[in-house]
Protein backbone atom coordinates (compact mmCIF):
# COMPACT_ATOMS: atom_id res chain seq x y z
CA MET A 1 -16.07 8.59 -1.15
CA PRO A 2 -17.68 7.47 -4.02
CA GLU A 3 -14.85 5.76 -5.02
CA ASN A 4 -14.54 3.74 -1.78
CA HIS A 5 -17.99 2.00 -3.37
CA GLN A 6 -17.03 2.19 -6.68
CA CYS A 7 -14.13 -0.72 -5.76
CA LEU A 8 -16.49 -2.74 -3.26
CA GLU A 9 -18.76 -2.88 -6.50
CA MET A 10 -16.27 -3.87 -9.16
CA CYS A 11 -14.90 -6.45 -6.46
CA GLN A 12 -17.89 -8.08 -5.67
CA GLN A 13 -18.27 -8.11 -9.42
CA SER A 14 -15.67 -9.95 -9.98
CA SER A 15 -15.25 -13.31 -11.62
CA VAL A 16 -12.67 -13.52 -10.11
CA PRO A 17 -10.36 -13.18 -6.71
CA LEU A 18 -9.95 -8.75 -6.20
CA PHE A 19 -10.12 -6.84 -2.87
CA THR A 20 -9.91 -3.55 -2.00
CA THR A 21 -9.28 -0.64 0.61
CA ALA A 22 -11.27 1.68 2.32
CA GLY A 23 -10.43 4.98 3.45
CA VAL A 24 -9.73 8.67 2.88
CA HIS A 25 -6.30 9.76 1.42
CA PRO A 26 -4.83 12.74 2.36
CA HIS A 27 -5.83 14.93 -0.39
CA SER A 28 -9.20 14.55 0.66
CA ALA A 29 -9.08 15.16 4.14
CA SER A 30 -10.64 18.55 4.39
CA GLU A 31 -13.38 16.80 3.26
CA TYR A 32 -13.73 14.56 6.22
CA SER A 33 -16.44 14.05 8.63
CA ALA A 34 -18.45 12.02 11.46
CA ASP A 35 -20.69 10.82 8.61
CA THR A 36 -16.92 9.47 7.29
CA THR A 37 -16.18 7.74 9.65
CA GLU A 38 -19.87 5.90 10.38
CA GLN A 39 -19.16 5.16 6.42
CA LEU A 40 -15.77 3.73 6.97
CA ARG A 41 -16.91 1.27 9.51
CA GLN A 42 -19.17 0.10 6.82
CA LEU A 43 -17.46 -0.28 4.95
CA LEU A 44 -15.17 -1.94 6.79
CA LYS A 45 -17.72 -4.78 7.47
CA GLU A 46 -17.18 -6.44 3.79
CA ASP A 47 -15.39 -9.27 3.20
CA LYS A 48 -13.72 -7.55 0.07
CA VAL A 49 -12.62 -5.16 2.54
CA VAL A 50 -8.80 -5.58 3.61
CA ALA A 51 -7.52 -2.76 4.76
CA VAL A 52 -7.99 0.80 5.83
CA GLY A 53 -6.85 3.48 3.67
CA GLU A 54 -5.17 5.07 1.29
CA THR A 55 -4.44 7.27 4.59
CA GLY A 56 -1.46 9.15 5.98
CA LEU A 57 -0.66 13.00 5.51
CA ASP A 58 0.38 14.90 2.37
CA PHE A 59 2.74 17.61 3.43
CA ASN A 60 4.23 18.30 -0.19
CA ARG A 61 1.03 19.33 -1.63
CA ASN A 62 -1.27 20.35 1.01
CA PHE A 63 -4.09 19.33 -1.39
CA SER A 64 -6.25 20.19 2.06
CA PRO A 65 -4.57 21.50 4.79
CA PRO A 66 -1.89 20.17 7.13
CA GLU A 67 -4.73 20.23 10.45
CA ALA A 68 -7.10 18.83 8.27
CA GLN A 69 -4.79 15.69 7.63
CA ILE A 70 -3.64 15.13 10.56
CA TYR A 71 -7.46 14.75 11.75
CA ALA A 72 -8.91 12.34 8.81
CA PHE A 73 -5.41 10.35 9.31
CA GLU A 74 -5.80 9.74 13.40
CA GLN A 75 -10.05 8.71 12.83
CA GLN A 76 -8.58 6.04 10.44
CA LEU A 77 -6.26 4.69 12.64
CA GLU A 78 -8.70 4.16 15.24
CA LEU A 79 -11.01 2.38 13.30
CA ALA A 80 -7.48 0.57 11.99
CA ALA A 81 -7.26 -0.43 15.71
CA GLU A 82 -11.08 -0.99 16.31
CA THR A 83 -11.35 -3.35 13.22
CA GLY A 84 -8.37 -5.63 13.32
CA LEU A 85 -7.56 -3.87 9.43
CA PRO A 86 -4.07 -3.60 8.82
CA LEU A 87 -3.35 0.56 7.20
CA PHE A 88 -2.14 1.25 3.61
CA LEU A 89 -0.28 3.77 4.59
CA HIS A 90 0.26 7.42 2.32
CA GLU A 91 3.29 9.93 2.82
CA ARG A 92 5.04 12.83 1.37
CA ASP A 93 6.82 15.33 3.32
CA ALA A 94 5.16 14.27 6.86
CA HIS A 95 7.75 11.25 7.41
CA GLN A 96 7.86 12.83 11.27
CA LYS A 97 4.70 13.32 11.62
CA GLN A 98 3.50 9.98 10.75
CA LEU A 99 6.16 8.20 11.77
CA GLU A 100 4.72 9.92 15.60
CA MET A 101 0.84 9.06 15.05
CA LEU A 102 1.40 5.81 14.00
CA SER A 103 3.70 4.48 17.05
CA ALA A 104 1.27 6.32 19.23
CA PHE A 105 -1.27 3.89 17.71
CA ARG A 106 0.85 0.45 16.64
CA GLU A 107 0.39 -2.25 19.69
CA HIS A 108 -3.44 -1.23 18.76
CA ILE A 109 -3.25 -1.78 15.45
CA SER A 110 -2.60 -4.77 12.47
CA GLY A 111 -0.34 -3.86 10.01
CA GLY A 112 0.47 -1.99 7.49
CA VAL A 113 2.00 -1.01 4.40
CA ALA A 114 4.22 2.37 3.02
CA HIS A 115 2.75 2.22 -0.16
CA CYS A 116 5.72 3.47 -3.07
CA PHE A 117 8.07 3.90 -0.55
CA THR A 118 10.06 6.22 -1.53
CA GLY A 119 12.31 7.36 1.29
CA THR A 120 15.44 7.23 2.91
CA ARG A 121 17.12 4.81 4.82
CA GLU A 122 16.80 6.39 8.28
CA GLU A 123 13.14 6.65 6.98
CA LEU A 124 13.23 2.72 5.47
CA TYR A 125 14.58 1.94 9.37
CA ASN A 126 12.13 3.57 11.29
CA TYR A 127 8.89 2.46 9.32
CA LEU A 128 10.88 -1.76 9.63
CA ASP A 129 11.77 -1.00 13.23
CA LEU A 130 6.92 -0.70 13.18
CA ASP A 131 7.21 -3.85 12.11
CA LEU A 132 5.37 -2.36 8.94
CA TYR A 133 5.20 -3.77 5.47
CA ILE A 134 7.38 -1.79 2.28
CA GLY A 135 5.65 -1.45 -0.93
CA ILE A 136 7.84 -0.72 -3.81
CA THR A 137 6.10 0.59 -7.20
CA GLY A 138 8.01 1.98 -10.41
CA TRP A 139 9.38 4.64 -9.18
CA ILE A 140 12.31 2.16 -8.65
CA CYS A 141 12.68 2.05 -12.74
CA ASP A 142 13.33 6.05 -12.86
CA GLU A 143 16.96 6.92 -12.94
CA ARG A 144 16.00 10.07 -12.10
CA ARG A 145 14.49 9.91 -8.86
CA GLY A 146 14.32 6.18 -7.71
CA SER A 147 17.92 5.15 -7.83
CA HIS A 148 18.74 5.99 -3.77
CA LEU A 149 16.85 3.38 -3.23
CA HIS A 150 18.07 0.44 -5.20
CA PRO A 151 20.83 -0.01 -2.46
CA LEU A 152 18.01 0.30 0.40
CA LEU A 153 15.81 -3.21 -1.20
CA LYS A 154 18.75 -5.60 0.40
CA ASP A 155 17.68 -4.14 3.32
CA ILE A 156 13.75 -4.84 2.95
CA PRO A 157 13.79 -8.24 4.98
CA ALA A 158 11.76 -10.84 2.38
CA ASP A 159 8.77 -10.80 4.73
CA ARG A 160 8.60 -7.09 4.58
CA LEU A 161 9.03 -6.70 0.58
CA MET A 162 5.42 -6.01 -1.47
CA LEU A 163 5.66 -5.16 -5.13
CA GLU A 164 3.12 -2.57 -6.83
CA THR A 165 2.86 -0.51 -9.93
CA ASP A 166 0.49 2.46 -7.82
CA ALA A 167 -1.56 1.97 -11.56
CA PRO A 168 -2.48 4.56 -13.75
CA TYR A 169 0.41 6.20 -12.35
CA LEU A 170 4.16 6.08 -12.36
CA LEU A 171 4.68 3.85 -15.42
CA PRO A 172 8.57 2.56 -15.58
CA ARG A 173 10.36 4.83 -16.94
CA ASP A 174 12.85 2.24 -18.41
CA ILE A 175 10.40 -0.21 -19.18
CA ARG A 176 10.91 -1.40 -23.51
CA PRO A 177 9.27 -0.86 -25.78
CA LYS A 178 7.76 2.72 -24.96
CA PRO A 179 3.89 2.77 -24.34
CA LYS A 180 2.11 4.98 -26.32
CA SER A 181 0.26 5.90 -23.85
CA ARG A 182 1.37 6.89 -19.98
CA ARG A 183 -0.94 5.08 -18.53
CA ASN A 184 0.26 2.51 -16.19
CA THR A 185 -1.68 -0.59 -15.73
CA PRO A 186 -0.71 -4.29 -13.36
CA LEU A 187 0.60 -5.45 -16.76
CA ASN A 188 3.93 -4.14 -15.81
CA LEU A 189 4.16 -5.42 -12.23
CA PRO A 190 6.86 -8.79 -14.33
CA HIS A 191 8.81 -5.56 -15.19
CA ILE A 192 8.75 -4.31 -11.68
CA LEU A 193 9.70 -7.63 -10.41
CA GLN A 194 12.39 -8.43 -12.76
CA VAL A 195 14.14 -4.86 -11.64
CA VAL A 196 14.26 -6.10 -8.22
CA ALA A 197 14.91 -9.10 -8.83
CA GLU A 198 17.93 -7.89 -10.49
CA LEU A 199 18.77 -5.89 -7.60
CA VAL A 200 18.42 -7.93 -4.61
CA GLY A 201 20.14 -11.04 -6.39
CA LYS A 202 17.65 -13.18 -6.62
CA THR A 203 15.90 -14.26 -9.62
CA ALA A 204 12.46 -13.28 -10.27
CA GLU A 205 10.13 -16.06 -9.43
CA GLN A 206 12.06 -16.13 -5.89
CA VAL A 207 11.37 -12.91 -5.54
CA ALA A 208 7.96 -13.46 -7.16
CA ARG A 209 7.30 -16.52 -4.70
CA GLU A 210 8.08 -14.39 -1.32
CA SER A 211 6.72 -11.31 -2.08
CA ARG A 212 3.79 -12.67 -3.13
CA ALA A 213 3.41 -15.21 0.17
CA THR A 214 4.43 -11.18 1.49
CA SER A 215 0.81 -9.95 -0.03
CA LEU A 216 -0.98 -13.31 1.04
CA THR A 217 0.03 -12.78 4.89
CA PHE A 218 -0.64 -8.64 4.87
CA LEU A 219 -4.50 -9.64 3.27
CA THR A 220 -5.25 -12.46 6.48
CA CYS A 221 -4.21 -10.16 8.78
CA ARG A 222 -7.24 -9.66 10.10
CA THR A 223 -8.36 -12.47 12.72
CA GLY A 224 -11.19 -14.80 10.18
CA PHE A 225 -9.10 -13.56 6.90
CA ASN A 226 -7.10 -17.01 6.33
CA SER A 227 -10.42 -17.69 3.84
CA LEU A 228 -8.94 -15.89 1.55
CA LEU A 229 -5.99 -18.58 1.01
CA THR A 230 -8.14 -21.02 0.38
CA ASP A 231 -9.84 -18.21 -2.75
CA LEU A 232 -6.52 -17.28 -3.60
CA GLN A 233 -4.41 -20.52 -3.68
CA PRO A 234 -5.82 -21.55 -7.50
CA MET A 235 -4.81 -18.28 -8.44
CA GLN A 236 -0.62 -18.18 -10.46
CA GLU A 237 1.66 -16.64 -9.20
CA VAL A 238 2.67 -13.46 -11.55
CA LEU A 239 5.82 -13.60 -13.16
């Protein structure tokens, strides 16, 4: 929970528009309690908080037991339904259970993004069938692990595709010149943009416009958030 407050404080102190999410990652699910729900409920009332998460299920590492993850995720699904905020979703090796839980709540939540999507075609279509957004990161730049995603990019509608860095993780493997540090930063987003544009057969400028519009739509999922568009209008597209 301290990280949620730190992110909110940073956004509130920033001289440029910054926004954050609030939630409990599945790795930390064993720390979730009834008090956590109330803390999140208060955080989600803040104007700078635009989504519930990062939340979901991770049965790959199981830093928290699966039953604890399921409980924490269900509580946050209920908060998303209560607040009208979309979900920022994490999932590893838990697709069927996560899909089952999302499907049960889909009529009650405003939307969500499958953050750092690295799954199969079937998993992609399962998320698209739920009308979720798909987040693509520097994983797409890793020929060892991400090449299976290349033909799937054209299956993602432009109004569902979001570009991410997952900083400080997932430094694009093919970036040149190779940075001295393995720490990823948002400054590498244009590189991911260029790679995605080449794979979908569009210009970087077109993909930038489309993904920016998609991100703004996601930000304004909740009723009353349309004012964010005015706040963000002066900001230039990331190219």
